[in-house]
């Protein structure tokens, strides 16, 4: 049933129609506290995303124009901890010996990997967002290409 609803929305451009319909309405802004792009979403993230989506839909149904902006927390600590574990590094000296540039690259790759997975999970939840404007992801992708 979930996939049928998602397919219906996609085939009929429901989200795009809503955005066009409310484009000239009063602006209502909701900034979603981003999930750290470090692991797949947990159930607590799904609950939060579902509630946040309901608030946005309520305001859209009342004619408000929304940004539907998504984002990810790409801050270092939790990303670094998981990368350290995945590489089997136990100390800061081991990170230095591994190579700071290689370690930073591994952190960026982890963020890109899990931001993509969380985006897929959010879409499966039915969370409406502007998925085609991933500013954070583009910056990270470009930074990886510059290496």
Protein backbone atom coordinates (compact mmCIF):
# COMPACT_ATOMS: atom_id res chain seq x y z
CA UNK A 1 0.00 0.00 0.00
CA UNK A 2 2.86 2.36 0.88
CA UNK A 3 4.49 1.95 -2.51
CA UNK A 4 1.14 2.39 -4.29
CA UNK A 5 0.56 5.72 -2.53
CA UNK A 6 4.09 6.92 -3.28
CA UNK A 7 3.69 5.90 -6.92
CA UNK A 8 0.31 7.70 -7.12
CA UNK A 9 1.84 10.89 -5.71
CA UNK A 10 4.75 10.68 -8.15
CA UNK A 11 2.69 9.83 -11.26
CA UNK A 12 0.19 12.61 -10.53
CA UNK A 13 2.72 15.21 -9.39
CA UNK A 14 0.74 15.74 -6.19
CA UNK A 15 3.55 17.46 -4.27
CA UNK A 16 4.35 19.75 -7.22
CA UNK A 17 0.66 20.64 -7.62
CA UNK A 18 0.44 21.54 -3.93
CA UNK A 19 3.54 23.75 -4.20
CA UNK A 20 2.12 25.55 -7.25
CA UNK A 21 -1.25 25.96 -5.54
CA UNK A 22 0.26 27.57 -2.41
CA UNK A 23 3.14 29.46 -4.10
CA UNK A 24 1.54 32.88 -3.64
CA UNK A 25 0.21 32.22 -0.16
CA UNK A 26 1.59 33.70 3.02
CA UNK A 27 4.99 32.26 3.84
CA UNK A 28 5.31 29.84 6.72
CA UNK A 29 8.73 28.59 7.58
CA UNK A 30 9.69 25.50 9.49
CA UNK A 31 13.33 24.60 9.85
CA UNK A 32 13.72 20.92 10.48
CA UNK A 33 16.37 20.08 13.05
CA UNK A 34 18.55 17.92 10.84
CA UNK A 35 19.49 14.33 11.49
CA UNK A 36 23.18 13.56 11.73
CA UNK A 37 24.12 11.86 8.46
CA UNK A 38 25.99 9.10 10.18
CA UNK A 39 23.77 6.01 10.26
CA UNK A 40 20.37 4.96 8.93
CA UNK A 41 17.42 6.68 10.60
CA UNK A 42 16.22 5.24 13.87
CA UNK A 43 12.57 4.88 14.76
CA UNK A 44 12.81 8.08 16.85
CA UNK A 45 13.89 9.95 13.72
CA UNK A 46 10.93 8.51 11.79
CA UNK A 47 8.51 9.61 14.53
CA UNK A 48 9.96 13.11 14.52
CA UNK A 49 9.94 13.39 10.75
CA UNK A 50 6.32 12.21 10.60
CA UNK A 51 5.21 14.81 13.15
CA UNK A 52 7.15 17.58 11.39
CA UNK A 53 5.60 16.59 8.08
CA UNK A 54 2.12 16.82 9.61
CA UNK A 55 2.77 20.41 10.71
CA UNK A 56 3.94 21.35 7.23
CA UNK A 57 0.95 19.68 5.57
CA UNK A 58 -1.43 21.43 7.95
CA UNK A 59 -0.01 24.83 7.01
CA UNK A 60 0.02 23.93 3.30
CA UNK A 61 -3.66 22.92 3.53
CA UNK A 62 -4.29 26.38 4.97
CA UNK A 63 -2.72 27.98 1.90
CA UNK A 64 0.75 28.77 3.23
CA UNK A 65 3.80 28.66 0.96
CA UNK A 66 6.53 26.51 2.49
CA UNK A 67 10.19 25.91 1.69
CA UNK A 68 10.18 22.16 2.40
CA UNK A 69 13.91 22.38 3.02
CA UNK A 70 15.74 19.29 4.12
CA UNK A 71 19.19 19.13 5.59
CA UNK A 72 21.65 16.95 7.42
CA UNK A 73 23.84 17.56 10.41
CA UNK A 74 27.32 16.85 9.08
CA UNK A 75 29.20 17.88 12.21
CA UNK A 76 32.28 15.95 13.08
CA UNK A 77 32.14 14.12 16.39
CA UNK A 78 29.63 11.31 15.76
CA UNK A 79 30.74 10.89 12.18
CA UNK A 80 34.37 10.68 13.31
CA UNK A 81 33.56 8.15 16.05
CA UNK A 82 31.83 5.83 13.57
CA UNK A 83 34.63 6.18 11.02
CA UNK A 84 37.20 5.44 13.72
CA UNK A 85 35.28 2.25 14.61
CA UNK A 86 34.89 1.19 10.98
CA UNK A 87 38.62 1.65 10.34
CA UNK A 88 39.61 -0.01 13.62
CA UNK A 89 41.33 3.13 14.89
CA UNK A 90 41.40 3.49 18.67
CA UNK A 91 43.45 6.62 19.31
CA UNK A 92 44.05 10.03 17.81
CA UNK A 93 47.64 8.96 17.12
CA UNK A 94 46.30 6.07 14.98
CA UNK A 95 44.19 8.55 13.03
CA UNK A 96 47.27 10.70 12.42
CA UNK A 97 49.25 7.65 11.32
CA UNK A 98 46.40 6.57 9.04
CA UNK A 99 46.50 10.03 7.46
CA UNK A 100 44.37 13.05 8.28
CA UNK A 101 43.40 13.63 4.64
CA UNK A 102 42.33 10.00 4.19
CA UNK A 103 40.40 10.13 7.46
CA UNK A 104 38.59 13.35 6.48
CA UNK A 105 37.74 11.80 3.10
CA UNK A 106 36.30 8.72 4.86
CA UNK A 107 34.18 11.02 7.03
CA UNK A 108 32.85 12.89 3.96
CA UNK A 109 32.06 9.60 2.22
CA UNK A 110 30.18 8.34 5.30
CA UNK A 111 28.10 11.53 5.39
CA UNK A 112 27.22 11.22 1.70
CA UNK A 113 26.35 7.54 2.07
CA UNK A 114 24.03 8.00 5.02
CA UNK A 115 22.51 11.28 3.82
CA UNK A 116 21.44 9.37 0.70
CA UNK A 117 20.08 6.48 2.77
CA UNK A 118 18.19 8.83 5.11
CA UNK A 119 16.73 10.62 2.09
CA UNK A 120 15.47 7.28 0.73
CA UNK A 121 14.02 6.41 4.15
CA UNK A 122 12.32 9.81 4.44
CA UNK A 123 10.76 9.45 1.01
CA UNK A 124 9.48 6.00 1.99
CA UNK A 125 7.87 7.61 5.05
CA UNK A 126 5.98 9.91 2.69
CA UNK A 127 7.84 12.96 4.02
CA UNK A 128 7.40 15.79 1.53
CA UNK A 129 10.53 17.83 1.00
CA UNK A 130 12.47 19.48 -1.78
CA UNK A 131 14.71 16.48 -2.39
CA UNK A 132 16.09 17.99 -5.61
CA UNK A 133 17.93 20.80 -3.80
CA UNK A 134 20.42 19.04 -1.51
CA UNK A 135 22.79 21.95 -0.94
CA UNK A 136 24.75 20.20 1.79
CA UNK A 137 25.21 17.10 -0.32
CA UNK A 138 26.35 19.03 -3.36
CA UNK A 139 28.97 20.85 -1.32
CA UNK A 140 30.27 17.59 0.10
CA UNK A 141 30.22 15.85 -3.28
CA UNK A 142 32.13 18.74 -4.84
CA UNK A 143 34.65 18.67 -1.98
CA UNK A 144 35.23 14.95 -2.57
CA UNK A 145 35.77 15.53 -6.29
CA UNK A 146 38.38 18.19 -5.52
CA UNK A 147 40.51 15.70 -3.55
